[in-house]
Structure formats: structure tokens, C-alpha cells
N, C-alpha and C. Protein backbone atom coordinates (compact mmCIF):
# COMPACT_ATOMS: atom_id res chain seq x y z
N UNK A 1 1.06 -0.91 -0.11
CA UNK A 1 0.34 0.02 -0.06
C UNK A 1 1.03 1.18 -0.12
N UNK A 2 0.41 2.13 -0.66
CA UNK A 2 0.84 3.45 -0.73
C UNK A 2 0.91 4.23 0.23
N UNK A 3 1.74 5.15 0.56
CA UNK A 3 1.63 6.13 1.84
C UNK A 3 1.39 7.43 1.08
N UNK A 4 0.73 7.75 -0.14
CA UNK A 4 0.39 8.87 -0.87
C UNK A 4 -1.08 8.62 -1.07
N UNK A 5 -1.46 9.97 -0.99
CA UNK A 5 -3.26 10.28 -1.45
C UNK A 5 -3.47 10.71 -2.61
N UNK A 6 -4.78 10.46 -3.03
CA UNK A 6 -5.20 11.50 -4.08
C UNK A 6 -5.97 12.47 -4.19
N UNK A 7 -6.10 13.68 -4.49
CA UNK A 7 -7.17 14.35 -4.21
C UNK A 7 -7.64 15.10 -5.47
N UNK A 8 -8.99 15.20 -5.68
CA UNK A 8 -9.63 15.25 -6.73
C UNK A 8 -9.62 17.12 -6.82
N UNK A 9 -8.80 17.75 -7.71
CA UNK A 9 -8.55 19.05 -8.00
C UNK A 9 -10.36 19.83 -7.93
N UNK A 10 -10.40 21.32 -7.46
CA UNK A 10 -11.31 22.06 -7.52
C UNK A 10 -12.68 21.10 -7.22
N UNK A 11 -12.71 20.06 -6.12
CA UNK A 11 -13.71 19.13 -5.83
C UNK A 11 -14.89 20.13 -5.10
N UNK A 12 -14.12 20.58 -4.23
CA UNK A 12 -15.37 21.40 -3.25
C UNK A 12 -15.91 22.56 -4.06
N UNK A 13 -15.00 23.20 -5.41
CA UNK A 13 -15.59 24.08 -5.98
C UNK A 13 -17.04 23.75 -6.77
N UNK A 14 -17.01 22.51 -6.86
CA UNK A 14 -18.08 21.80 -7.94
C UNK A 14 -19.18 21.16 -7.20
N UNK A 15 -18.88 20.59 -5.92
CA UNK A 15 -19.69 19.97 -5.26
C UNK A 15 -20.21 21.14 -4.24
N UNK A 16 -21.67 20.82 -4.03
CA UNK A 16 -22.16 21.91 -3.19
C UNK A 16 -22.85 21.19 -1.76
N UNK A 17 -22.87 19.88 -1.88
CA UNK A 17 -23.18 19.61 -0.64
C UNK A 17 -22.68 19.36 0.50
N UNK A 18 -22.90 19.30 1.66
CA UNK A 18 -21.88 19.60 2.85
C UNK A 18 -21.68 18.44 3.68
N UNK A 19 -22.73 17.30 3.32
CA UNK A 19 -22.39 15.79 3.99
C UNK A 19 -21.61 14.98 3.39
N UNK A 20 -20.82 14.20 3.86
CA UNK A 20 -20.40 13.15 3.26
C UNK A 20 -21.25 11.98 2.22
N UNK A 21 -20.91 11.33 1.45
CA UNK A 21 -21.67 9.87 0.70
C UNK A 21 -23.25 10.52 0.47
N UNK A 22 -23.21 11.74 -0.31
CA UNK A 22 -24.24 11.95 -0.65
C UNK A 22 -24.84 10.69 -1.94
N UNK A 23 -26.12 10.72 -2.31
CA UNK A 23 -26.45 9.79 -3.14
C UNK A 23 -26.25 10.09 -4.74
N UNK A 24 -25.89 11.18 -4.95
CA UNK A 24 -25.25 11.44 -6.50
C UNK A 24 -23.83 12.83 -6.51
N UNK A 25 -22.77 12.87 -7.17
CA UNK A 25 -22.07 13.97 -7.55
C UNK A 25 -22.56 14.69 -8.69
N UNK A 26 -22.30 16.15 -8.76
CA UNK A 26 -22.41 16.82 -9.75
C UNK A 26 -21.22 16.47 -10.98
N UNK A 27 -21.59 16.57 -12.26
CA UNK A 27 -20.72 16.53 -13.22
C UNK A 27 -20.92 17.81 -14.18
N UNK A 28 -19.90 18.56 -13.70
CA UNK A 28 -20.21 20.02 -14.66
C UNK A 28 -20.18 19.30 -16.21
N UNK A 29 -20.96 20.50 -17.03
CA UNK A 29 -20.52 20.10 -18.21
C UNK A 29 -19.61 21.12 -19.17
N UNK A 30 -18.92 21.67 -18.31
CA UNK A 30 -17.94 22.31 -18.75
C UNK A 30 -16.69 21.33 -18.89
N UNK A 31 -16.65 20.32 -18.25
CA UNK A 31 -15.64 19.21 -18.37
C UNK A 31 -15.30 18.87 -19.42
N UNK A 32 -16.57 18.54 -19.95
CA UNK A 32 -16.50 18.00 -21.56
C UNK A 32 -15.83 18.74 -22.46
N UNK A 33 -15.87 20.28 -22.32
CA UNK A 33 -14.85 20.95 -23.01
C UNK A 33 -13.84 21.53 -22.81
N UNK A 34 -13.08 20.89 -21.57
CA UNK A 34 -12.08 21.50 -20.98
C UNK A 34 -10.81 20.64 -21.41
N UNK A 35 -9.82 21.05 -21.95
CA UNK A 35 -8.91 20.64 -23.08
C UNK A 35 -7.84 19.73 -21.98
N UNK A 36 -7.86 19.89 -20.85
CA UNK A 36 -6.74 18.61 -19.75
C UNK A 36 -7.59 17.39 -20.19
N UNK A 37 -8.99 17.57 -20.31
CA UNK A 37 -9.83 16.21 -19.88
C UNK A 37 -10.04 15.81 -21.30
N UNK A 38 -10.65 16.55 -22.28
CA UNK A 38 -10.83 16.17 -23.36
C UNK A 38 -9.71 15.55 -24.18
N UNK A 39 -8.65 15.58 -23.72
CA UNK A 39 -7.32 15.31 -24.29
C UNK A 39 -7.05 13.56 -23.80
N UNK A 40 -7.57 13.36 -22.76
CA UNK A 40 -7.34 12.18 -22.27
C UNK A 40 -7.97 10.99 -22.81
N UNK A 41 -7.32 9.84 -22.55
CA UNK A 41 -7.90 8.40 -22.98
C UNK A 41 -9.27 8.13 -22.47
N UNK A 42 -10.28 7.49 -23.07
CA UNK A 42 -11.44 7.28 -22.18
C UNK A 42 -11.59 6.67 -20.83
N UNK A 43 -10.72 5.46 -20.63
CA UNK A 43 -10.38 4.82 -19.80
C UNK A 43 -9.79 5.92 -18.31
N UNK A 44 -8.93 6.79 -19.10
CA UNK A 44 -8.94 7.67 -17.31
C UNK A 44 -9.85 8.75 -17.51
N UNK A 45 -10.93 9.07 -18.59
CA UNK A 45 -11.73 9.89 -18.28
C UNK A 45 -13.00 9.06 -17.30
N UNK A 46 -12.80 7.78 -17.36
CA UNK A 46 -13.87 6.80 -16.61
C UNK A 46 -13.28 6.69 -15.20
N UNK A 47 -11.72 6.67 -14.83
CA UNK A 47 -10.99 6.83 -13.71
C UNK A 47 -11.29 8.15 -12.84
N UNK A 48 -11.29 8.97 -14.10
CA UNK A 48 -11.68 10.48 -13.07
C UNK A 48 -13.03 10.58 -12.45
N UNK A 49 -14.14 10.30 -13.29
CA UNK A 49 -15.20 10.24 -12.45
C UNK A 49 -15.35 9.07 -11.32
N UNK A 50 -14.96 8.29 -11.45
CA UNK A 50 -14.55 7.28 -9.95
C UNK A 50 -14.45 7.88 -9.49
N UNK A 51 -12.85 8.62 -9.26
CA UNK A 51 -11.96 9.30 -8.62
C UNK A 51 -12.87 10.47 -7.96
N UNK A 52 -14.09 11.18 -8.35
CA UNK A 52 -14.68 11.87 -7.89
C UNK A 52 -16.21 11.37 -6.97
N UNK A 53 -16.33 10.40 -7.72
CA UNK A 53 -17.56 9.31 -6.77
C UNK A 53 -16.70 9.15 -5.30
N UNK A 54 -15.40 8.64 -4.97
CA UNK A 54 -15.09 8.31 -3.94
C UNK A 54 -14.45 9.33 -3.38
N UNK A 55 -14.38 10.84 -3.85
CA UNK A 55 -13.75 11.62 -3.20
C UNK A 55 -15.10 12.22 -2.31
N UNK A 56 -16.30 12.00 -2.96
CA UNK A 56 -17.79 12.39 -1.95
C UNK A 56 -17.82 11.42 -0.43
N UNK A 57 -17.18 10.48 -0.83
CA UNK A 57 -16.93 9.42 0.69
C UNK A 57 -15.64 10.02 1.50
N UNK A 58 -14.57 10.26 1.08
CA UNK A 58 -13.35 10.07 1.66
C UNK A 58 -12.46 11.54 1.60
N UNK A 59 -12.07 11.89 2.42
CA UNK A 59 -11.47 12.96 2.48
C UNK A 59 -9.93 12.63 1.75
N UNK A 60 -9.41 12.01 2.12
CA UNK A 60 -8.24 11.11 1.17
C UNK A 60 -8.55 9.98 0.49
N UNK A 61 -7.83 10.05 -0.66
CA UNK A 61 -8.41 8.86 -1.50
C UNK A 61 -6.82 8.21 -1.32
N UNK A 62 -6.62 6.88 -1.00
CA UNK A 62 -5.69 6.13 -0.97
C UNK A 62 -5.22 6.08 -2.47
N UNK A 63 -3.92 6.35 -2.51
CA UNK A 63 -3.26 5.83 -3.89
C UNK A 63 -2.82 4.57 -3.62
N UNK A 64 -3.88 3.79 -3.90
CA UNK A 64 -3.47 2.65 -3.74
C UNK A 64 -4.21 1.59 -5.03
N UNK A 65 -3.30 1.25 -5.85
CA UNK A 65 -3.73 0.56 -7.06
C UNK A 65 -4.66 -0.43 -6.65
N UNK A 66 -4.31 -1.50 -5.78
CA UNK A 66 -5.32 -2.66 -5.40
C UNK A 66 -6.69 -2.34 -4.95
N UNK A 67 -6.62 -1.11 -4.17
CA UNK A 67 -8.24 -0.59 -3.27
C UNK A 67 -8.99 0.16 -4.94
N UNK A 68 -7.99 0.93 -5.51
CA UNK A 68 -8.74 1.48 -6.56
C UNK A 68 -9.36 0.72 -7.90
N UNK A 69 -8.85 -0.20 -8.14
CA UNK A 69 -8.88 -1.12 -9.24
C UNK A 69 -10.06 -2.16 -8.50
N UNK A 70 -10.11 -2.69 -7.51
CA UNK A 70 -11.44 -3.39 -7.04
C UNK A 70 -12.58 -2.56 -6.80
N UNK A 71 -12.42 -1.27 -6.10
CA UNK A 71 -13.54 -0.33 -5.76
C UNK A 71 -14.10 0.00 -6.97
N UNK A 72 -13.19 0.25 -8.39
CA UNK A 72 -13.84 0.84 -9.59
C UNK A 72 -14.22 -0.47 -10.62
N UNK A 73 -13.47 -1.10 -10.20
CA UNK A 73 -13.75 -2.61 -11.43
C UNK A 73 -12.88 -1.79 -12.75
N UNK A 74 -11.84 -1.23 -12.25
CA UNK A 74 -10.72 -0.95 -13.62
C UNK A 74 -9.52 -1.50 -13.41
N UNK A 75 -8.90 -2.11 -14.55
CA UNK A 75 -7.88 -2.95 -14.42
C UNK A 75 -6.52 -1.89 -13.57
N UNK A 76 -5.76 -3.01 -13.18
CA UNK A 76 -4.73 -2.00 -12.22
C UNK A 76 -3.51 -1.58 -13.23
N UNK A 77 -3.65 -2.00 -14.35
CA UNK A 77 -2.71 -1.15 -15.20
C UNK A 77 -3.57 0.19 -15.74
N UNK A 78 -4.66 0.34 -16.01
CA UNK A 78 -5.47 1.49 -16.21
C UNK A 78 -5.51 2.31 -15.19
N UNK A 79 -5.72 1.95 -13.61
CA UNK A 79 -5.29 2.88 -12.97
C UNK A 79 -3.82 3.36 -12.44
N UNK A 80 -3.35 2.63 -12.70
CA UNK A 80 -1.75 3.16 -12.33
C UNK A 80 -1.37 4.27 -13.39
N UNK A 81 -1.55 3.83 -14.70
CA UNK A 81 -0.96 4.83 -15.83
C UNK A 81 -1.94 6.06 -15.53
N UNK A 82 -3.66 5.82 -15.32
CA UNK A 82 -4.71 6.81 -15.24
C UNK A 82 -4.70 7.99 -14.36
N UNK A 83 -3.74 7.49 -13.07
CA UNK A 83 -3.46 8.61 -12.25
C UNK A 83 -2.28 9.47 -12.33
N UNK A 84 -1.34 9.09 -13.01
CA UNK A 84 -0.42 9.79 -13.67
C UNK A 84 -0.73 10.67 -14.65
N UNK A 85 -1.47 10.30 -15.44
CA UNK A 85 -2.16 11.01 -16.55
C UNK A 85 -3.10 12.16 -15.75
N UNK A 86 -3.77 11.89 -15.00
CA UNK A 86 -4.73 12.94 -14.39
C UNK A 86 -3.95 14.14 -13.76
N UNK A 87 -2.78 13.72 -12.99
CA UNK A 87 -1.84 14.17 -12.18
C UNK A 87 -1.18 14.96 -13.05
N UNK A 88 -0.78 14.44 -14.35
CA UNK A 88 -0.16 15.47 -15.42
C UNK A 88 -0.94 16.47 -15.71
N UNK A 89 -2.37 15.86 -16.09
CA UNK A 89 -3.13 17.08 -16.76
C UNK A 89 -3.86 18.01 -15.41
N UNK A 90 -3.38 17.85 -14.58
CA UNK A 90 -4.09 18.77 -13.23
C UNK A 90 -5.32 18.71 -12.72
N UNK A 91 -5.83 17.62 -13.14
CA UNK A 91 -7.16 16.95 -12.71
C UNK A 91 -7.35 16.64 -11.14
N UNK A 92 -6.12 16.02 -10.95
CA UNK A 92 -5.87 15.28 -9.39
C UNK A 92 -4.25 15.93 -9.05
N UNK A 93 -4.49 15.79 -7.60
CA UNK A 93 -2.99 15.69 -6.98
C UNK A 93 -2.26 14.77 -6.35
N UNK A 94 -1.40 14.09 -6.07
CA UNK A 94 -1.28 13.10 -5.51
C UNK A 94 -0.13 13.50 -4.54
N UNK A 95 -0.58 13.32 -3.39
CA UNK A 95 0.39 14.01 -1.99
C UNK A 95 0.79 12.89 -1.13
N UNK A 96 1.66 13.22 -0.09
CA UNK A 96 1.71 12.58 0.85
C UNK A 96 0.89 13.29 2.07
N UNK A 97 0.13 12.31 2.77
CA UNK A 97 -0.61 12.76 3.92
C UNK A 97 -0.10 13.48 5.17
N UNK A 98 -0.14 14.68 5.66
CA UNK A 98 0.88 15.18 6.57
C UNK A 98 0.60 14.35 7.75
N UNK A 99 1.33 14.35 8.57
CA UNK A 99 1.35 12.97 9.92
C UNK A 99 1.62 13.97 10.85
N UNK A 100 1.52 13.51 12.11
CA UNK A 100 2.05 14.35 13.28
C UNK A 100 3.42 13.65 13.85
N UNK A 101 4.01 14.11 14.46
CA UNK A 101 5.60 13.92 14.81
C UNK A 101 5.29 13.16 16.09
N UNK A 102 6.15 11.98 16.40
CA UNK A 102 6.03 11.23 17.48
C UNK A 102 6.32 12.30 18.75
N UNK A 103 5.03 12.12 19.64
CA UNK A 103 5.05 12.91 21.08
C UNK A 103 4.88 14.08 20.67
N UNK A 104 4.05 14.57 19.56
CA UNK A 104 3.29 15.73 19.23
C UNK A 104 2.13 15.55 19.81
N UNK A 105 1.36 16.43 20.50
CA UNK A 105 0.08 16.12 20.76
C UNK A 105 -0.78 16.96 19.57
N UNK A 106 -1.89 16.95 19.40
CA UNK A 106 -3.08 17.05 18.28
C UNK A 106 -3.28 18.30 18.97
N UNK A 107 -3.65 19.15 18.20
CA UNK A 107 -4.42 20.70 18.63
C UNK A 107 -5.63 20.27 19.25
N UNK A 108 -6.28 19.01 18.45
CA UNK A 108 -7.59 18.42 19.01
C UNK A 108 -7.85 17.54 20.29
N UNK A 109 -6.67 17.27 20.60
CA UNK A 109 -6.52 15.96 21.70
C UNK A 109 -7.04 16.67 23.26
N UNK A 110 -7.71 15.75 23.94
CA UNK A 110 -8.33 16.11 25.19
C UNK A 110 -7.28 17.58 25.89
N UNK A 111 -5.82 17.27 26.09
CA UNK A 111 -5.24 18.07 26.47
C UNK A 111 -5.36 19.34 26.17
N UNK A 112 -5.59 19.77 24.57
CA UNK A 112 -6.21 20.97 24.28
C UNK A 112 -7.16 21.46 23.78
N UNK A 113 -8.15 20.99 24.83
CA UNK A 113 -9.51 21.06 24.63
C UNK A 113 -10.22 22.52 24.56
N UNK A 114 -9.46 23.67 24.91
CA UNK A 114 -9.73 24.85 24.97
C UNK A 114 -9.15 25.30 23.59
N UNK A 115 -8.58 25.14 22.52
CA UNK A 115 -8.18 25.82 21.91
C UNK A 115 -9.69 25.70 20.98
N UNK A 116 -9.74 26.48 20.07
CA UNK A 116 -10.53 26.84 18.86
C UNK A 116 -10.49 25.93 18.04
N UNK A 117 -11.35 25.19 17.46
CA UNK A 117 -11.52 24.21 16.38
C UNK A 117 -11.14 25.05 15.05
């Protein structure tokens, strides 16, 4: 499993709901005339739509080929290459989830409960 994650760029801008796991996600018509999107292979476009759906459920999409191919029913080869193509096109970003340093308390921990969230 990879220690990196995928984020669909501008996801919050295009999705108006406030809760997780909505019954639907928006697909803006401008996507179909966007040069970065229309130049992608069809399988990569399908991967993008799948990642958008997963983004409605999870803040951090694991950049895990096995998880994604099982979840989206897209071959591992297409997932691996597709994520790279989507990142190159600027439609997703791949990043390392920031972690806490050992021994450092989170601002949300009970010891710091008086801090504003």
C-alpha cells in the first residue's frame, strides 16, 4: 500500500453538498470542453469520474492501485497509468498525507480542548 493519497482538484468548488456520502455527485458540463479532460483516453476519463465519486466519501483517497481497481472495477494497469495522466493534466494531485511528529499532541486532543477548532 502506498503512503500517498489522491485529491480531486477543485472538488469543493463543484460539489455543493455539506455531508459525506451523498446519493449523487455533480458533473459539470464544462468538463466535457476542458482541454485537459478531452485530451485524455476514455479509460482515464472513467477513472476520473470514479475518483470524483470516491472523493464524495473520503477526504483522502488512498493512492493504492489494488484498492482503486477493486473499488472501481478498472484494471490495475489503467488505474496506475491513469492516475499519472490525471496528475499530469492537473485534474488530481497526489500527495503525502501530513502526519504528526511522534510525541507531539494534536490541537484537537483532550489536553488542548480549550483551543478553538
